[in-house]
Amino acid sequence: MKIVLKSIFLLFISLSCFSQNSGNENLNLVFYSECSGKFITPEFDLDIVPESENVKILTYYIERGEWISQNTITIDLRKNDTIKIPKILFGGGNELHSQRWTYLNCNKICKGKETDYYSNGNKRLEGIFENGKPFEIKFFRENGTLESQEIYKLGTLNKTRINYFDKKGILTEYEIHKNRKKKTIIQTFDKNHKLIKKEVRHYYIE
């Protein structure tokens, strides 16, 4: 969690100290908030995708009461589609060096079963939360099929399992995460439970 929060608040501090969006405002990106039903101008950063000049990784930050929410998506700059900011997002405390974090549905902390939707009415996200902390989060494609399912150790940002599904919503592979001190061991299996690969990441989110 320390790594995640540090990145959020260092970025928030830097965004507060420099000019808005660091020159990115010339891109004429349009943001629409599903919570307020209005167009807004959030702070945002763009990262390159090495394989493409036009496809970028966009991370935007918005204030929600005493929280700063963020989201990262991939966009194509050749398209002029409006970027719709969903209702359910991860958020961190807005105070300096905050250790607080939560999931928010607009300005309310997520509790119990929470569902977010695409503009076409299909589910975007469905999660089970306890006081803002996730136990399970499902992500859906815009056509309504299940894309992935994340299972967490409740009260933390530590994933214990991630299931991946194809375009028909059928399980294709899954990851088992074993969290140890200062590292996470990730084992990836195919749908037949055969080990595909094993990875060790040398960090641990408490």
N, C-alpha and C. Protein backbone atom coordinates (compact mmCIF):
# COMPACT_ATOMS: atom_id res chain seq x y z
N MET A 1 0.83 -1.20 0.00
CA MET A 1 0.00 0.00 0.00
C MET A 1 0.86 1.24 0.00
N LYS A 2 2.02 1.17 0.67
CA LYS A 2 2.88 2.34 0.76
C LYS A 2 3.32 2.81 -0.62
N ILE A 3 3.62 1.83 -1.52
CA ILE A 3 4.05 2.19 -2.86
C ILE A 3 2.93 2.89 -3.61
N VAL A 4 1.73 2.33 -3.53
CA VAL A 4 0.58 2.91 -4.23
C VAL A 4 0.29 4.31 -3.73
N LEU A 5 0.20 4.46 -2.42
CA LEU A 5 -0.13 5.77 -1.84
C LEU A 5 0.96 6.79 -2.12
N LYS A 6 2.21 6.36 -2.05
CA LYS A 6 3.30 7.29 -2.31
C LYS A 6 3.20 7.84 -3.72
N SER A 7 2.89 6.97 -4.69
CA SER A 7 2.79 7.43 -6.06
C SER A 7 1.63 8.40 -6.23
N ILE A 8 0.51 8.11 -5.54
CA ILE A 8 -0.66 8.99 -5.65
C ILE A 8 -0.34 10.38 -5.13
N PHE A 9 0.24 10.45 -3.94
CA PHE A 9 0.37 11.75 -3.31
C PHE A 9 1.57 12.54 -3.79
N LEU A 10 2.62 11.86 -4.26
CA LEU A 10 3.70 12.60 -4.90
C LEU A 10 3.20 13.23 -6.19
N LEU A 11 2.37 12.50 -6.91
CA LEU A 11 1.80 13.06 -8.13
C LEU A 11 0.85 14.20 -7.82
N PHE A 12 0.05 14.04 -6.77
CA PHE A 12 -0.90 15.09 -6.40
C PHE A 12 -0.17 16.36 -6.00
N ILE A 13 0.92 16.20 -5.23
CA ILE A 13 1.71 17.36 -4.81
C ILE A 13 2.33 18.05 -6.02
N SER A 14 2.90 17.24 -6.94
CA SER A 14 3.53 17.83 -8.11
C SER A 14 2.52 18.54 -9.00
N LEU A 15 1.32 17.95 -9.10
CA LEU A 15 0.28 18.57 -9.90
C LEU A 15 -0.17 19.90 -9.29
N SER A 16 -0.15 19.98 -7.98
CA SER A 16 -0.57 21.20 -7.30
C SER A 16 0.47 22.31 -7.45
N CYS A 17 1.73 21.93 -7.65
CA CYS A 17 2.82 22.90 -7.68
C CYS A 17 3.09 23.46 -9.07
N PHE A 18 2.70 22.72 -10.11
CA PHE A 18 3.00 23.15 -11.46
C PHE A 18 1.72 23.54 -12.18
N SER A 19 1.88 24.07 -13.40
CA SER A 19 0.72 24.51 -14.16
C SER A 19 -0.16 23.32 -14.53
N GLN A 20 -1.42 23.58 -14.69
CA GLN A 20 -2.41 22.53 -14.86
C GLN A 20 -2.07 21.62 -16.03
N ASN A 21 -1.99 20.31 -15.75
CA ASN A 21 -1.80 19.27 -16.75
C ASN A 21 -0.49 19.37 -17.50
N SER A 22 0.44 20.22 -17.05
CA SER A 22 1.80 20.28 -17.59
C SER A 22 1.81 20.41 -19.11
N GLY A 23 0.94 21.23 -19.67
CA GLY A 23 0.92 21.45 -21.11
C GLY A 23 0.01 20.51 -21.86
N ASN A 24 -0.57 19.51 -21.20
CA ASN A 24 -1.43 18.56 -21.89
C ASN A 24 -2.79 19.14 -22.25
N GLU A 25 -3.08 20.35 -21.75
CA GLU A 25 -4.40 20.93 -22.02
C GLU A 25 -4.61 21.19 -23.50
N ASN A 26 -3.52 21.28 -24.29
CA ASN A 26 -3.63 21.53 -25.72
C ASN A 26 -4.17 20.32 -26.48
N LEU A 27 -4.31 19.19 -25.81
CA LEU A 27 -4.82 17.98 -26.46
C LEU A 27 -6.33 18.00 -26.62
N ASN A 28 -6.99 18.94 -25.96
CA ASN A 28 -8.45 19.09 -26.07
C ASN A 28 -9.20 17.83 -25.68
N LEU A 29 -8.73 17.15 -24.66
CA LEU A 29 -9.44 15.98 -24.16
C LEU A 29 -10.69 16.43 -23.41
N VAL A 30 -11.77 15.70 -23.57
CA VAL A 30 -13.05 16.04 -22.96
C VAL A 30 -13.39 14.98 -21.92
N PHE A 31 -13.69 15.41 -20.69
CA PHE A 31 -13.98 14.50 -19.59
C PHE A 31 -15.42 14.73 -19.11
N TYR A 32 -16.14 13.64 -18.94
CA TYR A 32 -17.53 13.71 -18.46
C TYR A 32 -17.66 12.88 -17.19
N SER A 33 -18.13 13.50 -16.11
CA SER A 33 -18.28 12.81 -14.84
C SER A 33 -19.64 12.13 -14.74
N GLU A 34 -19.62 10.80 -14.55
CA GLU A 34 -20.88 10.07 -14.38
C GLU A 34 -21.54 10.43 -13.04
N CYS A 35 -20.75 10.90 -12.08
CA CYS A 35 -21.31 11.27 -10.77
C CYS A 35 -22.11 12.56 -10.83
N SER A 36 -21.53 13.59 -11.43
CA SER A 36 -22.17 14.90 -11.46
C SER A 36 -23.04 15.11 -12.70
N GLY A 37 -22.81 14.28 -13.73
CA GLY A 37 -23.53 14.50 -14.98
C GLY A 37 -23.07 15.75 -15.71
N LYS A 38 -21.82 16.16 -15.44
CA LYS A 38 -21.28 17.38 -16.04
C LYS A 38 -19.90 17.13 -16.63
N PHE A 39 -19.50 18.00 -17.56
CA PHE A 39 -18.15 17.97 -18.08
C PHE A 39 -17.23 18.66 -17.09
N ILE A 40 -16.05 18.06 -16.82
CA ILE A 40 -15.13 18.61 -15.84
C ILE A 40 -13.73 18.66 -16.45
N THR A 41 -12.82 19.33 -15.74
CA THR A 41 -11.44 19.43 -16.20
C THR A 41 -10.53 18.90 -15.10
N PRO A 42 -10.24 17.60 -15.09
CA PRO A 42 -9.38 17.03 -14.06
C PRO A 42 -7.91 17.21 -14.38
N GLU A 43 -7.07 17.00 -13.39
CA GLU A 43 -5.64 16.91 -13.64
C GLU A 43 -5.37 15.55 -14.28
N PHE A 44 -4.39 15.49 -15.19
CA PHE A 44 -4.09 14.20 -15.80
C PHE A 44 -2.66 14.16 -16.31
N ASP A 45 -2.17 12.94 -16.50
CA ASP A 45 -0.85 12.68 -17.07
C ASP A 45 -0.99 11.72 -18.23
N LEU A 46 -0.10 11.83 -19.22
CA LEU A 46 -0.07 10.90 -20.34
C LEU A 46 1.28 10.19 -20.39
N ASP A 47 1.25 8.88 -20.55
CA ASP A 47 2.46 8.09 -20.75
C ASP A 47 2.40 7.44 -22.12
N ILE A 48 3.57 7.27 -22.73
CA ILE A 48 3.61 6.73 -24.09
C ILE A 48 3.40 5.23 -24.08
N VAL A 49 2.92 4.72 -25.21
CA VAL A 49 2.91 3.29 -25.51
C VAL A 49 3.95 3.09 -26.61
N PRO A 50 5.04 2.39 -26.34
CA PRO A 50 6.17 2.32 -27.28
C PRO A 50 5.77 1.88 -28.69
N GLU A 51 4.75 1.04 -28.83
CA GLU A 51 4.40 0.50 -30.14
C GLU A 51 3.54 1.46 -30.97
N SER A 52 3.11 2.58 -30.39
CA SER A 52 2.19 3.45 -31.11
C SER A 52 2.44 4.92 -30.78
N GLU A 53 2.30 5.77 -31.81
CA GLU A 53 2.42 7.22 -31.59
C GLU A 53 1.12 7.81 -31.06
N ASN A 54 0.01 7.19 -31.40
CA ASN A 54 -1.29 7.77 -31.08
C ASN A 54 -1.95 7.18 -29.84
N VAL A 55 -1.61 5.95 -29.50
CA VAL A 55 -2.19 5.32 -28.31
C VAL A 55 -1.38 5.73 -27.08
N LYS A 56 -2.06 6.22 -26.07
CA LYS A 56 -1.40 6.70 -24.84
C LYS A 56 -2.05 6.09 -23.62
N ILE A 57 -1.30 6.07 -22.53
CA ILE A 57 -1.84 5.66 -21.24
C ILE A 57 -2.18 6.92 -20.47
N LEU A 58 -3.45 7.09 -20.15
CA LEU A 58 -3.93 8.30 -19.48
C LEU A 58 -4.28 7.99 -18.03
N THR A 59 -3.74 8.78 -17.12
CA THR A 59 -4.10 8.69 -15.71
C THR A 59 -4.65 10.05 -15.29
N TYR A 60 -5.87 10.05 -14.76
CA TYR A 60 -6.46 11.32 -14.33
C TYR A 60 -6.78 11.26 -12.84
N TYR A 61 -6.86 12.45 -12.22
CA TYR A 61 -7.03 12.60 -10.78
C TYR A 61 -8.17 13.59 -10.53
N ILE A 62 -9.09 13.22 -9.64
CA ILE A 62 -10.21 14.10 -9.33
C ILE A 62 -10.44 14.14 -7.82
N GLU A 63 -10.88 15.27 -7.34
CA GLU A 63 -11.19 15.42 -5.92
C GLU A 63 -12.61 14.96 -5.66
N ARG A 64 -12.76 14.15 -4.62
CA ARG A 64 -14.07 13.70 -4.17
C ARG A 64 -14.14 13.91 -2.66
N GLY A 65 -14.60 15.06 -2.27
CA GLY A 65 -14.64 15.39 -0.85
C GLY A 65 -13.23 15.41 -0.28
N GLU A 66 -12.99 14.57 0.74
CA GLU A 66 -11.69 14.52 1.38
C GLU A 66 -10.75 13.52 0.72
N TRP A 67 -11.09 13.05 -0.48
CA TRP A 67 -10.31 12.03 -1.17
C TRP A 67 -9.85 12.53 -2.55
N ILE A 68 -8.75 11.94 -3.03
CA ILE A 68 -8.30 12.12 -4.40
C ILE A 68 -8.44 10.78 -5.10
N SER A 69 -9.34 10.71 -6.08
CA SER A 69 -9.52 9.48 -6.84
C SER A 69 -8.68 9.51 -8.10
N GLN A 70 -8.28 8.33 -8.56
CA GLN A 70 -7.49 8.26 -9.79
C GLN A 70 -7.95 7.07 -10.61
N ASN A 71 -7.68 7.14 -11.92
CA ASN A 71 -8.00 6.04 -12.82
C ASN A 71 -7.02 6.07 -13.98
N THR A 72 -6.64 4.91 -14.47
CA THR A 72 -5.72 4.79 -15.60
C THR A 72 -6.39 4.01 -16.71
N ILE A 73 -6.39 4.60 -17.92
CA ILE A 73 -7.00 3.96 -19.08
C ILE A 73 -6.08 4.13 -20.28
N THR A 74 -6.36 3.39 -21.35
CA THR A 74 -5.64 3.54 -22.61
C THR A 74 -6.54 4.26 -23.60
N ILE A 75 -6.01 5.30 -24.26
CA ILE A 75 -6.81 6.07 -25.21
C ILE A 75 -6.09 6.18 -26.55
N ASP A 76 -6.86 6.44 -27.59
CA ASP A 76 -6.33 6.68 -28.93
C ASP A 76 -6.57 8.15 -29.26
N LEU A 77 -5.49 8.91 -29.40
CA LEU A 77 -5.61 10.35 -29.61
C LEU A 77 -6.24 10.70 -30.96
N ARG A 78 -6.34 9.73 -31.88
CA ARG A 78 -6.97 9.99 -33.18
C ARG A 78 -8.49 10.04 -33.06
N LYS A 79 -9.00 9.52 -31.95
CA LYS A 79 -10.44 9.51 -31.75
C LYS A 79 -10.83 10.67 -30.84
N ASN A 80 -11.99 11.20 -31.03
CA ASN A 80 -12.46 12.34 -30.23
C ASN A 80 -13.55 11.93 -29.24
N ASP A 81 -13.53 10.68 -28.85
CA ASP A 81 -14.54 10.20 -27.91
C ASP A 81 -14.39 10.89 -26.57
N THR A 82 -15.50 11.17 -25.93
CA THR A 82 -15.48 11.75 -24.59
C THR A 82 -15.01 10.71 -23.59
N ILE A 83 -14.12 11.11 -22.70
CA ILE A 83 -13.64 10.22 -21.65
C ILE A 83 -14.61 10.30 -20.48
N LYS A 84 -15.28 9.19 -20.21
CA LYS A 84 -16.28 9.17 -19.16
C LYS A 84 -15.66 8.67 -17.85
N ILE A 85 -15.75 9.49 -16.82
CA ILE A 85 -15.19 9.15 -15.52
C ILE A 85 -16.23 8.35 -14.75
N PRO A 86 -15.94 7.08 -14.43
CA PRO A 86 -16.95 6.23 -13.79
C PRO A 86 -17.21 6.63 -12.35
N LYS A 87 -18.24 6.02 -11.78
CA LYS A 87 -18.61 6.34 -10.41
C LYS A 87 -17.68 5.69 -9.39
N ILE A 88 -17.34 4.43 -9.59
CA ILE A 88 -16.52 3.70 -8.62
C ILE A 88 -15.05 3.80 -8.99
N LEU A 89 -14.27 4.39 -8.08
CA LEU A 89 -12.83 4.57 -8.30
C LEU A 89 -12.07 4.39 -6.98
N PHE A 90 -10.79 4.06 -7.10
CA PHE A 90 -9.88 4.03 -5.95
C PHE A 90 -9.58 5.46 -5.53
N GLY A 91 -9.43 5.69 -4.23
CA GLY A 91 -9.10 7.02 -3.75
C GLY A 91 -8.16 6.99 -2.56
N GLY A 92 -7.36 8.04 -2.43
CA GLY A 92 -6.47 8.21 -1.28
C GLY A 92 -6.80 9.50 -0.56
N GLY A 93 -6.42 9.61 0.70
CA GLY A 93 -6.67 10.82 1.47
C GLY A 93 -5.99 12.03 0.84
N ASN A 94 -6.63 13.20 0.94
CA ASN A 94 -6.08 14.38 0.29
C ASN A 94 -5.08 15.15 1.15
N GLU A 95 -4.80 14.65 2.37
CA GLU A 95 -3.83 15.33 3.21
C GLU A 95 -2.41 14.87 2.86
N LEU A 96 -1.43 15.71 3.19
CA LEU A 96 -0.03 15.43 2.89
C LEU A 96 0.42 14.16 3.62
N HIS A 97 1.11 13.27 2.87
CA HIS A 97 1.64 12.01 3.43
C HIS A 97 0.54 11.12 4.01
N SER A 98 -0.63 11.21 3.44
CA SER A 98 -1.74 10.40 3.94
C SER A 98 -1.49 8.91 3.72
N GLN A 99 -1.91 8.10 4.68
CA GLN A 99 -1.86 6.64 4.56
C GLN A 99 -3.26 6.07 4.34
N ARG A 100 -4.24 6.95 4.21
CA ARG A 100 -5.62 6.49 4.04
C ARG A 100 -5.88 6.12 2.59
N TRP A 101 -6.68 5.10 2.37
CA TRP A 101 -7.12 4.75 1.03
C TRP A 101 -8.48 4.05 1.12
N THR A 102 -9.21 4.09 0.02
CA THR A 102 -10.54 3.50 0.00
C THR A 102 -11.01 3.39 -1.43
N TYR A 103 -12.13 2.69 -1.63
CA TYR A 103 -12.85 2.73 -2.90
C TYR A 103 -14.11 3.56 -2.70
N LEU A 104 -14.38 4.43 -3.67
CA LEU A 104 -15.50 5.35 -3.57
C LEU A 104 -16.51 5.12 -4.69
N ASN A 105 -17.78 5.26 -4.37
CA ASN A 105 -18.84 5.34 -5.36
C ASN A 105 -19.31 6.78 -5.34
N CYS A 106 -18.81 7.57 -6.29
CA CYS A 106 -18.91 9.03 -6.26
C CYS A 106 -18.26 9.54 -4.97
N ASN A 107 -19.00 10.20 -4.07
CA ASN A 107 -18.39 10.71 -2.84
C ASN A 107 -18.61 9.80 -1.64
N LYS A 108 -19.20 8.64 -1.86
CA LYS A 108 -19.51 7.73 -0.75
C LYS A 108 -18.56 6.54 -0.74
N ILE A 109 -18.13 6.16 0.45
CA ILE A 109 -17.26 4.99 0.60
C ILE A 109 -18.05 3.74 0.25
N CYS A 110 -17.44 2.86 -0.55
CA CYS A 110 -18.12 1.64 -0.98
C CYS A 110 -18.37 0.70 0.20
N LYS A 111 -19.59 0.21 0.29
CA LYS A 111 -19.95 -0.73 1.34
C LYS A 111 -20.86 -1.81 0.75
N GLY A 112 -20.56 -3.07 1.08
CA GLY A 112 -21.37 -4.17 0.55
C GLY A 112 -21.15 -4.34 -0.94
N LYS A 113 -22.20 -4.75 -1.63
CA LYS A 113 -22.13 -4.96 -3.08
C LYS A 113 -22.34 -3.63 -3.80
N GLU A 114 -21.40 -3.28 -4.66
CA GLU A 114 -21.47 -2.03 -5.42
C GLU A 114 -21.33 -2.35 -6.90
N THR A 115 -22.11 -1.67 -7.73
CA THR A 115 -22.08 -1.92 -9.17
C THR A 115 -21.99 -0.61 -9.93
N ASP A 116 -21.16 -0.60 -10.96
CA ASP A 116 -21.03 0.56 -11.84
C ASP A 116 -21.37 0.10 -13.26
N TYR A 117 -21.83 1.02 -14.11
CA TYR A 117 -22.36 0.64 -15.42
C TYR A 117 -21.74 1.49 -16.53
N TYR A 118 -21.67 0.90 -17.72
CA TYR A 118 -21.35 1.66 -18.92
C TYR A 118 -22.59 2.45 -19.34
N SER A 119 -22.39 3.38 -20.28
CA SER A 119 -23.51 4.21 -20.73
C SER A 119 -24.56 3.39 -21.47
N ASN A 120 -24.17 2.19 -21.98
CA ASN A 120 -25.14 1.35 -22.68
C ASN A 120 -25.96 0.48 -21.73
N GLY A 121 -25.71 0.62 -20.41
CA GLY A 121 -26.46 -0.12 -19.41
C GLY A 121 -25.82 -1.41 -18.94
N ASN A 122 -24.75 -1.85 -19.63
CA ASN A 122 -24.06 -3.06 -19.19
C ASN A 122 -23.15 -2.76 -18.00
N LYS A 123 -22.90 -3.79 -17.20
CA LYS A 123 -22.02 -3.63 -16.04
C LYS A 123 -20.60 -3.28 -16.47
N ARG A 124 -19.99 -2.34 -15.77
CA ARG A 124 -18.57 -2.03 -15.95
C ARG A 124 -17.74 -2.69 -14.86
N LEU A 125 -18.25 -2.61 -13.65
CA LEU A 125 -17.54 -3.11 -12.48
C LEU A 125 -18.57 -3.56 -11.44
N GLU A 126 -18.24 -4.64 -10.75
CA GLU A 126 -19.08 -5.09 -9.65
C GLU A 126 -18.15 -5.57 -8.53
N GLY A 127 -18.34 -5.07 -7.34
CA GLY A 127 -17.43 -5.42 -6.25
C GLY A 127 -18.15 -5.64 -4.93
N ILE A 128 -17.45 -6.31 -4.05
CA ILE A 128 -17.91 -6.49 -2.67
C ILE A 128 -16.88 -5.82 -1.77
N PHE A 129 -17.34 -4.88 -0.94
CA PHE A 129 -16.46 -4.05 -0.14
C PHE A 129 -16.89 -4.05 1.32
N GLU A 130 -15.92 -3.84 2.19
CA GLU A 130 -16.21 -3.62 3.60
C GLU A 130 -15.54 -2.32 4.01
N ASN A 131 -16.36 -1.29 4.23
CA ASN A 131 -15.86 0.03 4.60
C ASN A 131 -14.78 0.52 3.62
N GLY A 132 -15.05 0.36 2.33
CA GLY A 132 -14.15 0.85 1.30
C GLY A 132 -13.04 -0.09 0.90
N LYS A 133 -12.88 -1.19 1.62
CA LYS A 133 -11.81 -2.14 1.33
C LYS A 133 -12.38 -3.30 0.52
N PRO A 134 -11.73 -3.68 -0.59
CA PRO A 134 -12.31 -4.69 -1.46
C PRO A 134 -12.07 -6.12 -0.98
N PHE A 135 -13.06 -6.97 -1.20
CA PHE A 135 -12.90 -8.42 -1.06
C PHE A 135 -12.86 -9.06 -2.45
N GLU A 136 -13.72 -8.55 -3.33
CA GLU A 136 -13.79 -9.06 -4.71
C GLU A 136 -14.16 -7.91 -5.63
N ILE A 137 -13.49 -7.84 -6.79
CA ILE A 137 -13.87 -6.87 -7.82
C ILE A 137 -13.89 -7.58 -9.17
N LYS A 138 -15.02 -7.45 -9.88
CA LYS A 138 -15.16 -8.00 -11.22
C LYS A 138 -15.18 -6.85 -12.23
N PHE A 139 -14.44 -7.03 -13.32
CA PHE A 139 -14.41 -6.04 -14.39
C PHE A 139 -15.05 -6.64 -15.64
N PHE A 140 -15.89 -5.85 -16.31
CA PHE A 140 -16.64 -6.33 -17.47
C PHE A 140 -16.26 -5.53 -18.71
N ARG A 141 -16.34 -6.18 -19.86
CA ARG A 141 -16.18 -5.48 -21.13
C ARG A 141 -17.45 -4.69 -21.43
N GLU A 142 -17.35 -3.78 -22.38
CA GLU A 142 -18.50 -2.92 -22.67
C GLU A 142 -19.68 -3.72 -23.23
N ASN A 143 -19.40 -4.90 -23.81
CA ASN A 143 -20.50 -5.72 -24.34
C ASN A 143 -21.18 -6.56 -23.24
N GLY A 144 -20.68 -6.44 -22.00
CA GLY A 144 -21.32 -7.11 -20.88
C GLY A 144 -20.66 -8.40 -20.43
N THR A 145 -19.65 -8.90 -21.17
CA THR A 145 -18.99 -10.14 -20.77
C THR A 145 -17.94 -9.88 -19.70
N LEU A 146 -17.77 -10.85 -18.81
CA LEU A 146 -16.80 -10.74 -17.73
C LEU A 146 -15.39 -10.79 -18.28
N GLU A 147 -14.54 -9.84 -17.87
CA GLU A 147 -13.16 -9.76 -18.35
C GLU A 147 -12.17 -10.30 -17.32
N SER A 148 -12.33 -9.92 -16.06
CA SER A 148 -11.43 -10.40 -15.01
C SER A 148 -12.11 -10.31 -13.65
N GLN A 149 -11.58 -11.07 -12.71
CA GLN A 149 -12.09 -11.10 -11.34
C GLN A 149 -10.90 -11.08 -10.39
N GLU A 150 -10.87 -10.13 -9.48
CA GLU A 150 -9.78 -10.00 -8.51
C GLU A 150 -10.28 -10.31 -7.11
N ILE A 151 -9.57 -11.18 -6.41
CA ILE A 151 -9.89 -11.53 -5.03
C ILE A 151 -8.79 -10.95 -4.13
N TYR A 152 -9.18 -10.29 -3.05
CA TYR A 152 -8.23 -9.61 -2.18
C TYR A 152 -8.23 -10.21 -0.77
N LYS A 153 -7.12 -10.02 -0.09
CA LYS A 153 -7.10 -10.23 1.36
C LYS A 153 -7.79 -9.02 1.96
N LEU A 154 -8.91 -9.24 2.59
CA LEU A 154 -9.76 -8.14 3.03
C LEU A 154 -9.00 -7.19 3.94
N GLY A 155 -9.17 -5.91 3.69
CA GLY A 155 -8.52 -4.87 4.48
C GLY A 155 -7.21 -4.42 3.89
N THR A 156 -6.79 -5.05 2.78
CA THR A 156 -5.52 -4.70 2.14
C THR A 156 -5.72 -4.56 0.64
N LEU A 157 -4.66 -4.15 -0.05
CA LEU A 157 -4.64 -4.13 -1.50
C LEU A 157 -3.94 -5.36 -2.07
N ASN A 158 -3.71 -6.35 -1.22
CA ASN A 158 -3.05 -7.58 -1.65
C ASN A 158 -4.04 -8.50 -2.35
N LYS A 159 -3.79 -8.76 -3.63
CA LYS A 159 -4.60 -9.73 -4.35
C LYS A 159 -4.15 -11.14 -3.98
N THR A 160 -5.09 -12.05 -3.84
CA THR A 160 -4.75 -13.46 -3.60
C THR A 160 -4.98 -14.29 -4.85
N ARG A 161 -5.89 -13.84 -5.72
CA ARG A 161 -6.16 -14.56 -6.96
C ARG A 161 -6.75 -13.61 -7.99
N ILE A 162 -6.38 -13.79 -9.26
CA ILE A 162 -6.97 -13.05 -10.37
C ILE A 162 -7.38 -14.06 -11.44
N ASN A 163 -8.64 -14.03 -11.85
CA ASN A 163 -9.16 -14.88 -12.92
C ASN A 163 -9.32 -14.05 -14.19
N TYR A 164 -8.91 -14.61 -15.33
CA TYR A 164 -9.02 -13.92 -16.61
C TYR A 164 -9.98 -14.70 -17.53
N PHE A 165 -10.82 -13.96 -18.27
CA PHE A 165 -11.85 -14.58 -19.08
C PHE A 165 -11.75 -14.08 -20.53
N ASP A 166 -12.12 -14.96 -21.47
CA ASP A 166 -12.08 -14.57 -22.88
C ASP A 166 -13.30 -13.73 -23.24
N LYS A 167 -13.45 -13.41 -24.52
CA LYS A 167 -14.52 -12.51 -24.96
C LYS A 167 -15.90 -13.12 -24.79
N LYS A 168 -15.94 -14.44 -24.55
CA LYS A 168 -17.23 -15.09 -24.30
C LYS A 168 -17.49 -15.24 -22.80
N GLY A 169 -16.56 -14.74 -21.98
CA GLY A 169 -16.73 -14.84 -20.53
C GLY A 169 -16.31 -16.18 -19.96
N ILE A 170 -15.49 -16.94 -20.71
CA ILE A 170 -15.03 -18.25 -20.26
C ILE A 170 -13.61 -18.12 -19.68
N LEU A 171 -13.38 -18.76 -18.54
CA LEU A 171 -12.08 -18.69 -17.89
C LEU A 171 -10.98 -19.22 -18.80
N THR A 172 -9.90 -18.44 -18.97
CA THR A 172 -8.77 -18.86 -19.81
C THR A 172 -7.53 -19.16 -18.98
N GLU A 173 -7.29 -18.36 -17.94
CA GLU A 173 -6.16 -18.60 -17.04
C GLU A 173 -6.40 -17.84 -15.74
N TYR A 174 -5.58 -18.14 -14.74
CA TYR A 174 -5.71 -17.46 -13.46
C TYR A 174 -4.35 -17.38 -12.77
N GLU A 175 -4.25 -16.40 -11.86
CA GLU A 175 -3.03 -16.19 -11.08
C GLU A 175 -3.31 -16.44 -9.61
N ILE A 176 -2.37 -17.07 -8.95
CA ILE A 176 -2.39 -17.21 -7.50
C ILE A 176 -1.27 -16.35 -6.94
N HIS A 177 -1.62 -15.44 -6.06
CA HIS A 177 -0.64 -14.53 -5.45
C HIS A 177 -0.36 -14.97 -4.01
N LYS A 178 0.91 -15.22 -3.73
CA LYS A 178 1.32 -15.56 -2.37
C LYS A 178 2.19 -14.42 -1.86
N ASN A 179 1.68 -13.69 -0.89
CA ASN A 179 2.36 -12.51 -0.38
C ASN A 179 3.28 -12.87 0.78
N ARG A 180 4.56 -12.58 0.60
CA ARG A 180 5.57 -12.78 1.61
C ARG A 180 6.16 -11.43 1.98
N LYS A 181 6.99 -11.41 3.01
CA LYS A 181 7.60 -10.15 3.42
C LYS A 181 8.47 -9.61 2.30
N LYS A 182 8.12 -8.40 1.83
CA LYS A 182 8.85 -7.66 0.82
C LYS A 182 8.82 -8.29 -0.57
N LYS A 183 7.96 -9.28 -0.79
CA LYS A 183 7.85 -9.84 -2.14
C LYS A 183 6.51 -10.55 -2.30
N THR A 184 6.10 -10.69 -3.55
CA THR A 184 4.89 -11.41 -3.90
C THR A 184 5.24 -12.46 -4.95
N ILE A 185 4.87 -13.70 -4.70
CA ILE A 185 5.09 -14.79 -5.65
C ILE A 185 3.81 -14.99 -6.44
N ILE A 186 3.89 -14.88 -7.77
CA ILE A 186 2.72 -15.00 -8.64
C ILE A 186 2.87 -16.23 -9.52
N GLN A 187 1.94 -17.16 -9.38
CA GLN A 187 1.91 -18.35 -10.21
C GLN A 187 0.72 -18.25 -11.17
N THR A 188 0.99 -18.44 -12.46
CA THR A 188 -0.05 -18.36 -13.48
C THR A 188 -0.37 -19.75 -13.99
N PHE A 189 -1.66 -20.08 -14.03
CA PHE A 189 -2.13 -21.40 -14.47
C PHE A 189 -3.08 -21.23 -15.65
N ASP A 190 -3.13 -22.24 -16.54
CA ASP A 190 -4.12 -22.21 -17.60
C ASP A 190 -5.45 -22.74 -17.08
N LYS A 191 -6.44 -22.82 -17.94
CA LYS A 191 -7.78 -23.24 -17.50
C LYS A 191 -7.82 -24.69 -17.03
N ASN A 192 -6.80 -25.45 -17.40
CA ASN A 192 -6.71 -26.85 -16.96
C ASN A 192 -5.85 -27.01 -15.72
N HIS A 193 -5.51 -25.88 -15.09
CA HIS A 193 -4.76 -25.84 -13.83
C HIS A 193 -3.29 -26.24 -14.02
N LYS A 194 -2.77 -26.10 -15.24
CA LYS A 194 -1.36 -26.37 -15.51
C LYS A 194 -0.56 -25.10 -15.31
N LEU A 195 0.53 -25.18 -14.56
CA LEU A 195 1.38 -24.01 -14.29
C LEU A 195 2.02 -23.52 -15.59
N ILE A 196 1.81 -22.23 -15.90
CA ILE A 196 2.38 -21.63 -17.10
C ILE A 196 3.68 -20.91 -16.80
N LYS A 197 3.66 -20.11 -15.73
CA LYS A 197 4.87 -19.39 -15.35
C LYS A 197 4.82 -19.01 -13.88
N LYS A 198 5.97 -18.66 -13.36
CA LYS A 198 6.11 -18.23 -11.97
C LYS A 198 6.94 -16.96 -11.94
N GLU A 199 6.47 -15.97 -11.20
CA GLU A 199 7.13 -14.66 -11.15
C GLU A 199 7.25 -14.21 -9.71
N VAL A 200 8.37 -13.57 -9.39
CA VAL A 200 8.57 -13.01 -8.06
C VAL A 200 8.71 -11.50 -8.20
N ARG A 201 7.84 -10.77 -7.53
CA ARG A 201 7.92 -9.31 -7.52
C ARG A 201 8.41 -8.89 -6.15
N HIS A 202 9.45 -8.09 -6.15
CA HIS A 202 10.11 -7.76 -4.88
C HIS A 202 9.52 -6.49 -4.25
N TYR A 203 8.27 -6.58 -3.94
CA TYR A 203 7.59 -5.59 -3.13
C TYR A 203 6.41 -6.28 -2.48
N TYR A 204 5.90 -5.65 -1.46
CA TYR A 204 4.76 -6.22 -0.75
C TYR A 204 3.89 -5.09 -0.26
N ILE A 205 2.62 -5.13 -0.61
CA ILE A 205 1.68 -4.07 -0.21
C ILE A 205 1.01 -4.49 1.07
N GLU A 206 1.22 -3.77 2.13
CA GLU A 206 0.63 -4.14 3.43
C GLU A 206 -0.78 -3.59 3.55
